Amino acid sequence: MLDQSLTVLLQTSMFVGGFIGFFLDNTVPGTDEERGLVSWHENLRQADSSAISGTTSIYDLPYITASLRSLKWARYVPFFPTFKGFRKRASAKNAERGNIPL
């Protein structure tokens, strides 16, 4: 049973690549800048700020996103790119009521 599990895992390129990446990331010495973590975190911060400002277009549907943005009901459909999310709407309602979300 164990040999079959190992055979399947070692024949899966995603597992092998992930394991090698995990191993090297945790064994190769270096500063955060040398390992690329500083630039990685900077890219994440830029992505968060562009998502907040609404300028991100990575997940936009070609040709129809502009028309979807004009439809007010489209922001309530979870698989549309204009969906705002359940948590954001809930926290906005709590802020309007003066409640503090848990």
PDB file of N, CA and C in Angstrom:
ATOM      1  N   MET A   1       0.818  -1.183   0.000  1.00  0.00           N
ATOM      2  CA  MET A   1       0.000   0.000   0.000  1.00  0.00           C
ATOM      3  C   MET A   1       0.870   1.258   0.000  1.00  0.00           C
ATOM      4  N   LEU A   2       1.891   1.269   0.843  1.00  0.00           N
ATOM      5  CA  LEU A   2       2.777   2.420   0.906  1.00  0.00           C
ATOM      6  C   LEU A   2       3.564   2.577  -0.391  1.00  0.00           C
ATOM      7  N   ASP A   3       4.023   1.471  -0.952  1.00  0.00           N
ATOM      8  CA  ASP A   3       4.788   1.555  -2.198  1.00  0.00           C
ATOM      9  C   ASP A   3       3.923   2.064  -3.347  1.00  0.00           C
ATOM     10  N   GLN A   4       2.649   1.710  -3.377  1.00  0.00           N
ATOM     11  CA  GLN A   4       1.760   2.216  -4.420  1.00  0.00           C
ATOM     12  C   GLN A   4       1.516   3.716  -4.254  1.00  0.00           C
ATOM     13  N   SER A   5       1.358   4.150  -3.019  1.00  0.00           N
ATOM     14  CA  SER A   5       1.161   5.582  -2.756  1.00  0.00           C
ATOM     15  C   SER A   5       2.384   6.384  -3.162  1.00  0.00           C
ATOM     16  N   LEU A   6       3.563   5.895  -2.794  1.00  0.00           N
ATOM     17  CA  LEU A   6       4.797   6.596  -3.172  1.00  0.00           C
ATOM     18  C   LEU A   6       4.997   6.604  -4.687  1.00  0.00           C
ATOM     19  N   THR A   7       4.650   5.509  -5.347  1.00  0.00           N
ATOM     20  CA  THR A   7       4.783   5.443  -6.800  1.00  0.00           C
ATOM     21  C   THR A   7       3.888   6.475  -7.470  1.00  0.00           C
ATOM     22  N   VAL A   8       2.659   6.590  -7.003  1.00  0.00           N
ATOM     23  CA  VAL A   8       1.737   7.573  -7.581  1.00  0.00           C
ATOM     24  C   VAL A   8       2.238   8.993  -7.332  1.00  0.00           C
ATOM     25  N   LEU A   9       2.676   9.267  -6.107  1.00  0.00           N
ATOM     26  CA  LEU A   9       3.161  10.613  -5.790  1.00  0.00           C
ATOM     27  C   LEU A   9       4.405  10.975  -6.595  1.00  0.00           C
ATOM     28  N   LEU A  10       5.342  10.050  -6.705  1.00  0.00           N
ATOM     29  CA  LEU A  10       6.586  10.351  -7.409  1.00  0.00           C
ATOM     30  C   LEU A  10       6.416  10.387  -8.926  1.00  0.00           C
ATOM     31  N   GLN A  11       5.305   9.896  -9.437  1.00  0.00           N
ATOM     32  CA  GLN A  11       5.028  10.009 -10.871  1.00  0.00           C
ATOM     33  C   GLN A  11       4.218  11.261 -11.193  1.00  0.00           C
ATOM     34  N   THR A  12       3.794  11.986 -10.171  1.00  0.00           N
ATOM     35  CA  THR A  12       3.031  13.218 -10.369  1.00  0.00           C
ATOM     36  C   THR A  12       4.012  14.382 -10.370  1.00  0.00           C
ATOM     37  N   SER A  13       4.151  15.013 -11.514  1.00  0.00           N
ATOM     38  CA  SER A  13       5.155  16.075 -11.640  1.00  0.00           C
ATOM     39  C   SER A  13       4.849  17.259 -10.730  1.00  0.00           C
ATOM     40  N   MET A  14       3.581  17.542 -10.457  1.00  0.00           N
ATOM     41  CA  MET A  14       3.249  18.653  -9.570  1.00  0.00           C
ATOM     42  C   MET A  14       3.748  18.386  -8.149  1.00  0.00           C
ATOM     43  N   PHE A  15       3.611  17.161  -7.684  1.00  0.00           N
ATOM     44  CA  PHE A  15       4.095  16.816  -6.352  1.00  0.00           C
ATOM     45  C   PHE A  15       5.618  16.885  -6.293  1.00  0.00           C
ATOM     46  N   VAL A  16       6.280  16.330  -7.290  1.00  0.00           N
ATOM     47  CA  VAL A  16       7.748  16.312  -7.301  1.00  0.00           C
ATOM     48  C   VAL A  16       8.297  17.741  -7.339  1.00  0.00           C
ATOM     49  N   GLY A  17       7.723  18.571  -8.203  1.00  0.00           N
ATOM     50  CA  GLY A  17       8.174  19.960  -8.288  1.00  0.00           C
ATOM     51  C   GLY A  17       7.900  20.730  -7.011  1.00  0.00           C
ATOM     52  N   GLY A  18       6.723  20.514  -6.415  1.00  0.00           N
ATOM     53  CA  GLY A  18       6.395  21.178  -5.159  1.00  0.00           C
ATOM     54  C   GLY A  18       7.289  20.729  -4.022  1.00  0.00           C
ATOM     55  N   PHE A  19       7.585  19.441  -3.983  1.00  0.00           N
ATOM     56  CA  PHE A  19       8.454  18.933  -2.928  1.00  0.00           C
ATOM     57  C   PHE A  19       9.875  19.478  -3.070  1.00  0.00           C
ATOM     58  N   ILE A  20      10.382  19.507  -4.287  1.00  0.00           N
ATOM     59  CA  ILE A  20      11.730  20.053  -4.501  1.00  0.00           C
ATOM     60  C   ILE A  20      11.766  21.534  -4.145  1.00  0.00           C
ATOM     61  N   GLY A  21      10.734  22.271  -4.542  1.00  0.00           N
ATOM     62  CA  GLY A  21      10.657  23.691  -4.189  1.00  0.00           C
ATOM     63  C   GLY A  21      10.589  23.901  -2.692  1.00  0.00           C
ATOM     64  N   PHE A  22       9.774  23.099  -2.008  1.00  0.00           N
ATOM     65  CA  PHE A  22       9.663  23.179  -0.554  1.00  0.00           C
ATOM     66  C   PHE A  22      11.000  22.871   0.106  1.00  0.00           C
ATOM     67  N   PHE A  23      11.662  21.824  -0.361  1.00  0.00           N
ATOM     68  CA  PHE A  23      12.943  21.423   0.207  1.00  0.00           C
ATOM     69  C   PHE A  23      13.994  22.518   0.016  1.00  0.00           C
ATOM     70  N   LEU A  24      14.109  23.020  -1.202  1.00  0.00           N
ATOM     71  CA  LEU A  24      15.126  24.042  -1.463  1.00  0.00           C
ATOM     72  C   LEU A  24      14.813  25.347  -0.742  1.00  0.00           C
ATOM     73  N   ASP A  25      13.541  25.709  -0.668  1.00  0.00           N
ATOM     74  CA  ASP A  25      13.165  26.956   0.001  1.00  0.00           C
ATOM     75  C   ASP A  25      13.503  26.914   1.482  1.00  0.00           C
ATOM     76  N   ASN A  26      13.461  25.744   2.066  1.00  0.00           N
ATOM     77  CA  ASN A  26      13.723  25.629   3.497  1.00  0.00           C
ATOM     78  C   ASN A  26      15.143  25.214   3.835  1.00  0.00           C
ATOM     79  N   THR A  27      15.984  24.914   2.851  1.00  0.00           N
ATOM     80  CA  THR A  27      17.351  24.494   3.156  1.00  0.00           C
ATOM     81  C   THR A  27      18.412  25.435   2.605  1.00  0.00           C
ATOM     82  N   VAL A  28      18.154  26.118   1.507  1.00  0.00           N
ATOM     83  CA  VAL A  28      19.163  27.006   0.921  1.00  0.00           C
ATOM     84  C   VAL A  28      19.219  28.292   1.738  1.00  0.00           C
ATOM     85  N   PRO A  29      20.420  28.650   2.259  1.00  0.00           N
ATOM     86  CA  PRO A  29      20.521  29.860   3.061  1.00  0.00           C
ATOM     87  C   PRO A  29      20.491  31.111   2.176  1.00  0.00           C
ATOM     88  N   GLY A  30      20.136  32.206   2.789  1.00  0.00           N
ATOM     89  CA  GLY A  30      20.127  33.481   2.086  1.00  0.00           C
ATOM     90  C   GLY A  30      19.216  34.466   2.791  1.00  0.00           C
ATOM     91  N   THR A  31      19.452  35.739   2.515  1.00  0.00           N
ATOM     92  CA  THR A  31      18.595  36.763   3.099  1.00  0.00           C
ATOM     93  C   THR A  31      17.270  36.796   2.351  1.00  0.00           C
ATOM     94  N   ASP A  32      16.318  37.518   2.917  1.00  0.00           N
ATOM     95  CA  ASP A  32      15.014  37.638   2.258  1.00  0.00           C
ATOM     96  C   ASP A  32      15.151  38.282   0.880  1.00  0.00           C
ATOM     97  N   GLU A  33      16.061  39.243   0.760  1.00  0.00           N
ATOM     98  CA  GLU A  33      16.261  39.903  -0.536  1.00  0.00           C
ATOM     99  C   GLU A  33      16.888  38.954  -1.553  1.00  0.00           C
ATOM    100  N   GLU A  34      17.851  38.149  -1.117  1.00  0.00           N
ATOM    101  CA  GLU A  34      18.485  37.193  -2.018  1.00  0.00           C
ATOM    102  C   GLU A  34      17.512  36.110  -2.475  1.00  0.00           C
ATOM    103  N   ARG A  35      16.597  35.730  -1.608  1.00  0.00           N
ATOM    104  CA  ARG A  35      15.625  34.692  -1.952  1.00  0.00           C
ATOM    105  C   ARG A  35      14.441  35.248  -2.740  1.00  0.00           C
ATOM    106  N   GLY A  36      14.348  36.565  -2.899  1.00  0.00           N
ATOM    107  CA  GLY A  36      13.277  37.160  -3.689  1.00  0.00           C
ATOM    108  C   GLY A  36      12.023  37.469  -2.907  1.00  0.00           C
ATOM    109  N   LEU A  37      12.065  37.307  -1.592  1.00  0.00           N
ATOM    110  CA  LEU A  37      10.877  37.537  -0.785  1.00  0.00           C
ATOM    111  C   LEU A  37      10.509  39.007  -0.680  1.00  0.00           C
ATOM    112  N   VAL A  38      11.513  39.894  -0.724  1.00  0.00           N
ATOM    113  CA  VAL A  38      11.242  41.329  -0.639  1.00  0.00           C
ATOM    114  C   VAL A  38      10.443  41.780  -1.862  1.00  0.00           C
ATOM    115  N   SER A  39      10.879  41.386  -3.050  1.00  0.00           N
ATOM    116  CA  SER A  39      10.153  41.776  -4.259  1.00  0.00           C
ATOM    117  C   SER A  39       8.802  41.072  -4.337  1.00  0.00           C
ATOM    118  N   TRP A  40       8.712  39.847  -3.815  1.00  0.00           N
ATOM    119  CA  TRP A  40       7.440  39.126  -3.799  1.00  0.00           C
ATOM    120  C   TRP A  40       6.412  39.882  -2.952  1.00  0.00           C
ATOM    121  N   HIS A  41       6.820  40.314  -1.760  1.00  0.00           N
ATOM    122  CA  HIS A  41       5.904  41.053  -0.888  1.00  0.00           C
ATOM    123  C   HIS A  41       5.540  42.402  -1.484  1.00  0.00           C
ATOM    124  N   GLU A  42       6.464  43.032  -2.168  1.00  0.00           N
ATOM    125  CA  GLU A  42       6.169  44.311  -2.830  1.00  0.00           C
ATOM    126  C   GLU A  42       5.126  44.106  -3.923  1.00  0.00           C
ATOM    127  N   ASN A  43       5.250  43.040  -4.704  1.00  0.00           N
ATOM    128  CA  ASN A  43       4.259  42.749  -5.740  1.00  0.00           C
ATOM    129  C   ASN A  43       2.898  42.467  -5.130  1.00  0.00           C
ATOM    130  N   LEU A  44       2.862  41.779  -3.999  1.00  0.00           N
ATOM    131  CA  LEU A  44       1.590  41.511  -3.329  1.00  0.00           C
ATOM    132  C   LEU A  44       0.944  42.797  -2.845  1.00  0.00           C
ATOM    133  N   ARG A  45       1.748  43.708  -2.298  1.00  0.00           N
ATOM    134  CA  ARG A  45       1.202  44.991  -1.847  1.00  0.00           C
ATOM    135  C   ARG A  45       0.649  45.790  -3.013  1.00  0.00           C
ATOM    136  N   GLN A  46       1.347  45.787  -4.150  1.00  0.00           N
ATOM    137  CA  GLN A  46       0.861  46.506  -5.321  1.00  0.00           C
ATOM    138  C   GLN A  46      -0.424  45.887  -5.839  1.00  0.00           C
ATOM    139  N   ALA A  47      -0.514  44.564  -5.822  1.00  0.00           N
ATOM    140  CA  ALA A  47      -1.735  43.893  -6.283  1.00  0.00           C
ATOM    141  C   ALA A  47      -2.897  44.218  -5.358  1.00  0.00           C
ATOM    142  N   ASP A  48      -2.648  44.264  -4.041  1.00  0.00           N
ATOM    143  CA  ASP A  48      -3.714  44.607  -3.101  1.00  0.00           C
ATOM    144  C   ASP A  48      -4.183  46.035  -3.308  1.00  0.00           C
ATOM    145  N   SER A  49      -3.257  46.957  -3.517  1.00  0.00           N
ATOM    146  CA  SER A  49      -3.661  48.347  -3.697  1.00  0.00           C
ATOM    147  C   SER A  49      -4.400  48.549  -5.016  1.00  0.00           C
ATOM    148  N   SER A  50      -4.023  47.814  -6.065  1.00  0.00           N
ATOM    149  CA  SER A  50      -4.747  47.958  -7.330  1.00  0.00           C
ATOM    150  C   SER A  50      -6.109  47.289  -7.242  1.00  0.00           C
ATOM    151  N   ALA A  51      -6.234  46.231  -6.454  1.00  0.00           N
ATOM    152  CA  ALA A  51      -7.544  45.586  -6.285  1.00  0.00           C
ATOM    153  C   ALA A  51      -8.479  46.499  -5.503  1.00  0.00           C
ATOM    154  N   ILE A  52      -7.928  47.227  -4.543  1.00  0.00           N
ATOM    155  CA  ILE A  52      -8.745  48.145  -3.759  1.00  0.00           C
ATOM    156  C   ILE A  52      -9.201  49.309  -4.624  1.00  0.00           C
ATOM    157  N   SER A  53      -8.324  49.813  -5.464  1.00  0.00           N
ATOM    158  CA  SER A  53      -8.695  50.947  -6.300  1.00  0.00           C
ATOM    159  C   SER A  53      -9.549  50.535  -7.487  1.00  0.00           C
ATOM    160  N   GLY A  54      -9.642  49.239  -7.768  1.00  0.00           N
ATOM    161  CA  GLY A  54     -10.506  48.766  -8.840  1.00  0.00           C
ATOM    162  C   GLY A  54      -9.860  48.798 -10.214  1.00  0.00           C
ATOM    163  N   THR A  55      -8.542  48.924 -10.286  1.00  0.00           N
ATOM    164  CA  THR A  55      -7.888  49.014 -11.584  1.00  0.00           C
ATOM    165  C   THR A  55      -7.400  47.667 -12.106  1.00  0.00           C
ATOM    166  N   THR A  56      -7.587  46.622 -11.344  1.00  0.00           N
ATOM    167  CA  THR A  56      -7.125  45.316 -11.794  1.00  0.00           C
ATOM    168  C   THR A  56      -8.051  44.771 -12.874  1.00  0.00           C
ATOM    169  N   SER A  57      -7.473  44.191 -13.904  1.00  0.00           N
ATOM    170  CA  SER A  57      -8.292  43.676 -15.003  1.00  0.00           C
ATOM    171  C   SER A  57      -7.872  42.261 -15.377  1.00  0.00           C
ATOM    172  N   ILE A  58      -7.224  41.570 -14.481  1.00  0.00           N
ATOM    173  CA  ILE A  58      -6.737  40.235 -14.777  1.00  0.00           C
ATOM    174  C   ILE A  58      -7.884  39.278 -15.036  1.00  0.00           C
ATOM    175  N   TYR A  59      -8.935  39.361 -14.222  1.00  0.00           N
ATOM    176  CA  TYR A  59     -10.019  38.404 -14.314  1.00  0.00           C
ATOM    177  C   TYR A  59     -11.226  38.937 -15.086  1.00  0.00           C
ATOM    178  N   ASP A  60     -11.061  40.035 -15.780  1.00  0.00           N
ATOM    179  CA  ASP A  60     -12.164  40.591 -16.548  1.00  0.00           C
ATOM    180  C   ASP A  60     -12.487  39.708 -17.747  1.00  0.00           C
ATOM    181  N   LEU A  61     -13.759  39.630 -18.070  1.00  0.00           N
ATOM    182  CA  LEU A  61     -14.194  38.895 -19.252  1.00  0.00           C
ATOM    183  C   LEU A  61     -14.013  39.782 -20.477  1.00  0.00           C
ATOM    184  N   PRO A  62     -13.505  39.252 -21.560  1.00  0.00           N
ATOM    185  CA  PRO A  62     -13.274  40.090 -22.735  1.00  0.00           C
ATOM    186  C   PRO A  62     -14.589  40.612 -23.311  1.00  0.00           C
ATOM    187  N   TYR A  63     -14.593  41.851 -23.670  1.00  0.00           N
ATOM    188  CA  TYR A  63     -15.673  42.534 -24.397  1.00  0.00           C
ATOM    189  C   TYR A  63     -16.931  42.816 -23.586  1.00  0.00           C
ATOM    190  N   ILE A  64     -17.208  42.087 -22.521  1.00  0.00           N
ATOM    191  CA  ILE A  64     -18.484  42.307 -21.840  1.00  0.00           C
ATOM    192  C   ILE A  64     -18.346  42.855 -20.422  1.00  0.00           C
ATOM    193  N   THR A  65     -17.148  43.008 -19.906  1.00  0.00           N
ATOM    194  CA  THR A  65     -16.990  43.482 -18.542  1.00  0.00           C
ATOM    195  C   THR A  65     -17.506  44.907 -18.388  1.00  0.00           C
ATOM    196  N   ALA A  66     -17.283  45.742 -19.373  1.00  0.00           N
ATOM    197  CA  ALA A  66     -17.761  47.124 -19.287  1.00  0.00           C
ATOM    198  C   ALA A  66     -19.281  47.169 -19.182  1.00  0.00           C
ATOM    199  N   SER A  67     -19.960  46.336 -19.938  1.00  0.00           N
ATOM    200  CA  SER A  67     -21.425  46.330 -19.851  1.00  0.00           C
ATOM    201  C   SER A  67     -21.887  45.705 -18.532  1.00  0.00           C
ATOM    202  N   LEU A  68     -21.144  44.741 -18.001  1.00  0.00           N
ATOM    203  CA  LEU A  68     -21.506  44.159 -16.710  1.00  0.00           C
ATOM    204  C   LEU A  68     -21.361  45.172 -15.584  1.00  0.00           C
ATOM    205  N   ARG A  69     -20.371  46.032 -15.682  1.00  0.00           N
ATOM    206  CA  ARG A  69     -20.175  47.042 -14.647  1.00  0.00           C
ATOM    207  C   ARG A  69     -21.329  48.032 -14.600  1.00  0.00           C
ATOM    208  N   SER A  70     -22.005  48.240 -15.709  1.00  0.00           N
ATOM    209  CA  SER A  70     -23.120  49.181 -15.721  1.00  0.00           C
ATOM    210  C   SER A  70     -24.398  48.578 -15.134  1.00  0.00           C
ATOM    211  N   LEU A  71     -24.465  47.267 -14.999  1.00  0.00           N
ATOM    212  CA  LEU A  71     -25.628  46.605 -14.426  1.00  0.00           C
ATOM    213  C   LEU A  71     -25.468  46.507 -12.916  1.00  0.00           C
ATOM    214  N   LYS A  72     -26.363  47.126 -12.166  1.00  0.00           N
ATOM    215  CA  LYS A  72     -26.233  47.148 -10.710  1.00  0.00           C
ATOM    216  C   LYS A  72     -26.409  45.765 -10.094  1.00  0.00           C
ATOM    217  N   TRP A  73     -27.259  44.934 -10.664  1.00  0.00           N
ATOM    218  CA  TRP A  73     -27.518  43.611 -10.098  1.00  0.00           C
ATOM    219  C   TRP A  73     -26.349  42.658 -10.305  1.00  0.00           C
ATOM    220  N   ALA A  74     -25.440  42.971 -11.236  1.00  0.00           N
ATOM    221  CA  ALA A  74     -24.333  42.064 -11.539  1.00  0.00           C
ATOM    222  C   ALA A  74     -23.349  41.950 -10.384  1.00  0.00           C
ATOM    223  N   ARG A  75     -23.312  42.911  -9.490  1.00  0.00           N
ATOM    224  CA  ARG A  75     -22.368  42.839  -8.367  1.00  0.00           C
ATOM    225  C   ARG A  75     -22.785  41.828  -7.313  1.00  0.00           C
ATOM    226  N   TYR A  76     -24.003  41.298  -7.435  1.00  0.00           N
ATOM    227  CA  TYR A  76     -24.487  40.304  -6.483  1.00  0.00           C
ATOM    228  C   TYR A  76     -24.355  38.873  -6.992  1.00  0.00           C
ATOM    229  N   VAL A  77     -23.851  38.684  -8.210  1.00  0.00           N
ATOM    230  CA  VAL A  77     -23.711  37.355  -8.795  1.00  0.00           C
ATOM    231  C   VAL A  77     -22.262  36.901  -8.589  1.00  0.00           C
ATOM    232  N   PRO A  78     -22.026  35.843  -7.805  1.00  0.00           N
ATOM    233  CA  PRO A  78     -20.658  35.475  -7.411  1.00  0.00           C
ATOM    234  C   PRO A  78     -19.706  35.146  -8.553  1.00  0.00           C
ATOM    235  N   PHE A  79     -20.173  34.681  -9.691  1.00  0.00           N
ATOM    236  CA  PHE A  79     -19.240  34.312 -10.746  1.00  0.00           C
ATOM    237  C   PHE A  79     -19.017  35.436 -11.757  1.00  0.00           C
ATOM    238  N   PHE A  80     -19.557  36.626 -11.525  1.00  0.00           N
ATOM    239  CA  PHE A  80     -19.288  37.778 -12.384  1.00  0.00           C
ATOM    240  C   PHE A  80     -18.063  38.518 -11.862  1.00  0.00           C
ATOM    241  N   PRO A  81     -17.293  39.155 -12.737  1.00  0.00           N
ATOM    242  CA  PRO A  81     -16.096  39.869 -12.267  1.00  0.00           C
ATOM    243  C   PRO A  81     -16.421  41.121 -11.455  1.00  0.00           C
ATOM    244  N   THR A  82     -17.660  41.554 -11.449  1.00  0.00           N
ATOM    245  CA  THR A  82     -18.038  42.734 -10.675  1.00  0.00           C
ATOM    246  C   THR A  82     -18.483  42.390  -9.262  1.00  0.00           C
ATOM    247  N   PHE A  83     -18.454  41.109  -8.892  1.00  0.00           N
ATOM    248  CA  PHE A  83     -18.885  40.659  -7.565  1.00  0.00           C
ATOM    249  C   PHE A  83     -17.989  41.258  -6.496  1.00  0.00           C
ATOM    250  N   LYS A  84     -18.597  41.834  -5.471  1.00  0.00           N
ATOM    251  CA  LYS A  84     -17.838  42.492  -4.414  1.00  0.00           C
ATOM    252  C   LYS A  84     -17.506  41.579  -3.253  1.00  0.00           C
ATOM    253  N   GLY A  85     -18.183  40.489  -3.114  1.00  0.00           N
ATOM    254  CA  GLY A  85     -17.890  39.555  -2.027  1.00  0.00           C
ATOM    255  C   GLY A  85     -18.875  39.688  -0.899  1.00  0.00           C
ATOM    256  N   PHE A  86     -19.084  38.603  -0.207  1.00  0.00           N
ATOM    257  CA  PHE A  86     -20.041  38.589   0.886  1.00  0.00           C
ATOM    258  C   PHE A  86     -19.512  39.333   2.098  1.00  0.00           C
ATOM    259  N   ARG A  87     -18.251  39.181   2.403  1.00  0.00           N
ATOM    260  CA  ARG A  87     -17.684  39.816   3.593  1.00  0.00           C
ATOM    261  C   ARG A  87     -17.654  41.328   3.463  1.00  0.00           C
ATOM    262  N   LYS A  88     -17.334  41.822   2.301  1.00  0.00           N
ATOM    263  CA  LYS A  88     -17.256  43.271   2.133  1.00  0.00           C
ATOM    264  C   LYS A  88     -18.631  43.905   2.318  1.00  0.00           C
ATOM    265  N   ARG A  89     -19.661  43.273   1.758  1.00  0.00           N
ATOM    266  CA  ARG A  89     -21.005  43.819   1.919  1.00  0.00           C
ATOM    267  C   ARG A  89     -21.461  43.707   3.363  1.00  0.00           C
ATOM    268  N   ALA A  90     -21.155  42.609   4.030  1.00  0.00           N
ATOM    269  CA  ALA A  90     -21.557  42.435   5.422  1.00  0.00           C
ATOM    270  C   ALA A  90     -20.846  43.443   6.317  1.00  0.00           C
ATOM    271  N   SER A  91     -19.557  43.665   6.088  1.00  0.00           N
ATOM    272  CA  SER A  91     -18.833  44.620   6.917  1.00  0.00           C
ATOM    273  C   SER A  91     -19.288  46.045   6.625  1.00  0.00           C
ATOM    274  N   ALA A  92     -19.704  46.344   5.391  1.00  0.00           N
ATOM    275  CA  ALA A  92     -20.215  47.674   5.074  1.00  0.00           C
ATOM    276  C   ALA A  92     -21.547  47.905   5.778  1.00  0.00           C
ATOM    277  N   LYS A  93     -22.406  46.880   5.829  1.00  0.00           N
ATOM    278  CA  LYS A  93     -23.674  47.012   6.536  1.00  0.00           C
ATOM    279  C   LYS A  93     -23.436  47.211   8.023  1.00  0.00           C
ATOM    280  N   ASN A  94     -22.499  46.474   8.595  1.00  0.00           N
ATOM    281  CA  ASN A  94     -22.191  46.626  10.025  1.00  0.00           C
ATOM    282  C   ASN A  94     -21.635  48.002  10.309  1.00  0.00           C
ATOM    283  N   ALA A  95     -20.838  48.535   9.407  1.00  0.00           N
ATOM    284  CA  ALA A  95     -20.285  49.872   9.607  1.00  0.00           C
ATOM    285  C   ALA A  95     -21.394  50.920   9.551  1.00  0.00           C
ATOM    286  N   GLU A  96     -22.379  50.715   8.676  1.00  0.00           N
ATOM    287  CA  GLU A  96     -23.480  51.665   8.596  1.00  0.00           C
ATOM    288  C   GLU A  96     -24.313  51.632   9.880  1.00  0.00           C
ATOM    289  N   ARG A  97     -24.483  50.447  10.432  1.00  0.00           N
ATOM    290  CA  ARG A  97     -25.280  50.308  11.655  1.00  0.00           C
ATOM    291  C   ARG A  97     -24.488  50.669  12.909  1.00  0.00           C
ATOM    292  N   GLY A  98     -23.182  50.786  12.793  1.00  0.00           N
ATOM    293  CA  GLY A  98     -22.351  51.068  13.946  1.00  0.00           C
ATOM    294  C   GLY A  98     -21.923  49.823  14.690  1.00  0.00           C
ATOM    295  N   ASN A  99     -22.183  48.664  14.119  1.00  0.00           N
ATOM    296  CA  ASN A  99     -21.771  47.403  14.736  1.00  0.00           C
ATOM    297  C   ASN A  99     -20.317  47.104  14.411  1.00  0.00           C
ATOM    298  N   ILE A 100     -19.667  46.426  15.292  1.00  0.00           N
ATOM    299  CA  ILE A 100     -18.293  46.006  15.059  1.00  0.00           C
ATOM    300  C   ILE A 100     -18.332  44.540  14.677  1.00  0.00           C
ATOM    301  N   PRO A 101     -17.809  44.176  13.476  1.00  0.00           N
ATOM    302  CA  PRO A 101     -17.830  42.751  13.088  1.00  0.00           C
ATOM    303  C   PRO A 101     -16.913  41.936  13.967  1.00  0.00           C
ATOM    304  N   LEU A 102     -17.320  40.710  14.245  1.00  0.00           N
ATOM    305  CA  LEU A 102     -16.514  39.812  15.086  1.00  0.00           C
ATOM    306  C   LEU A 102     -15.374  39.223  14.326  1.00  0.00           C
TER     307      LEU A 102
END
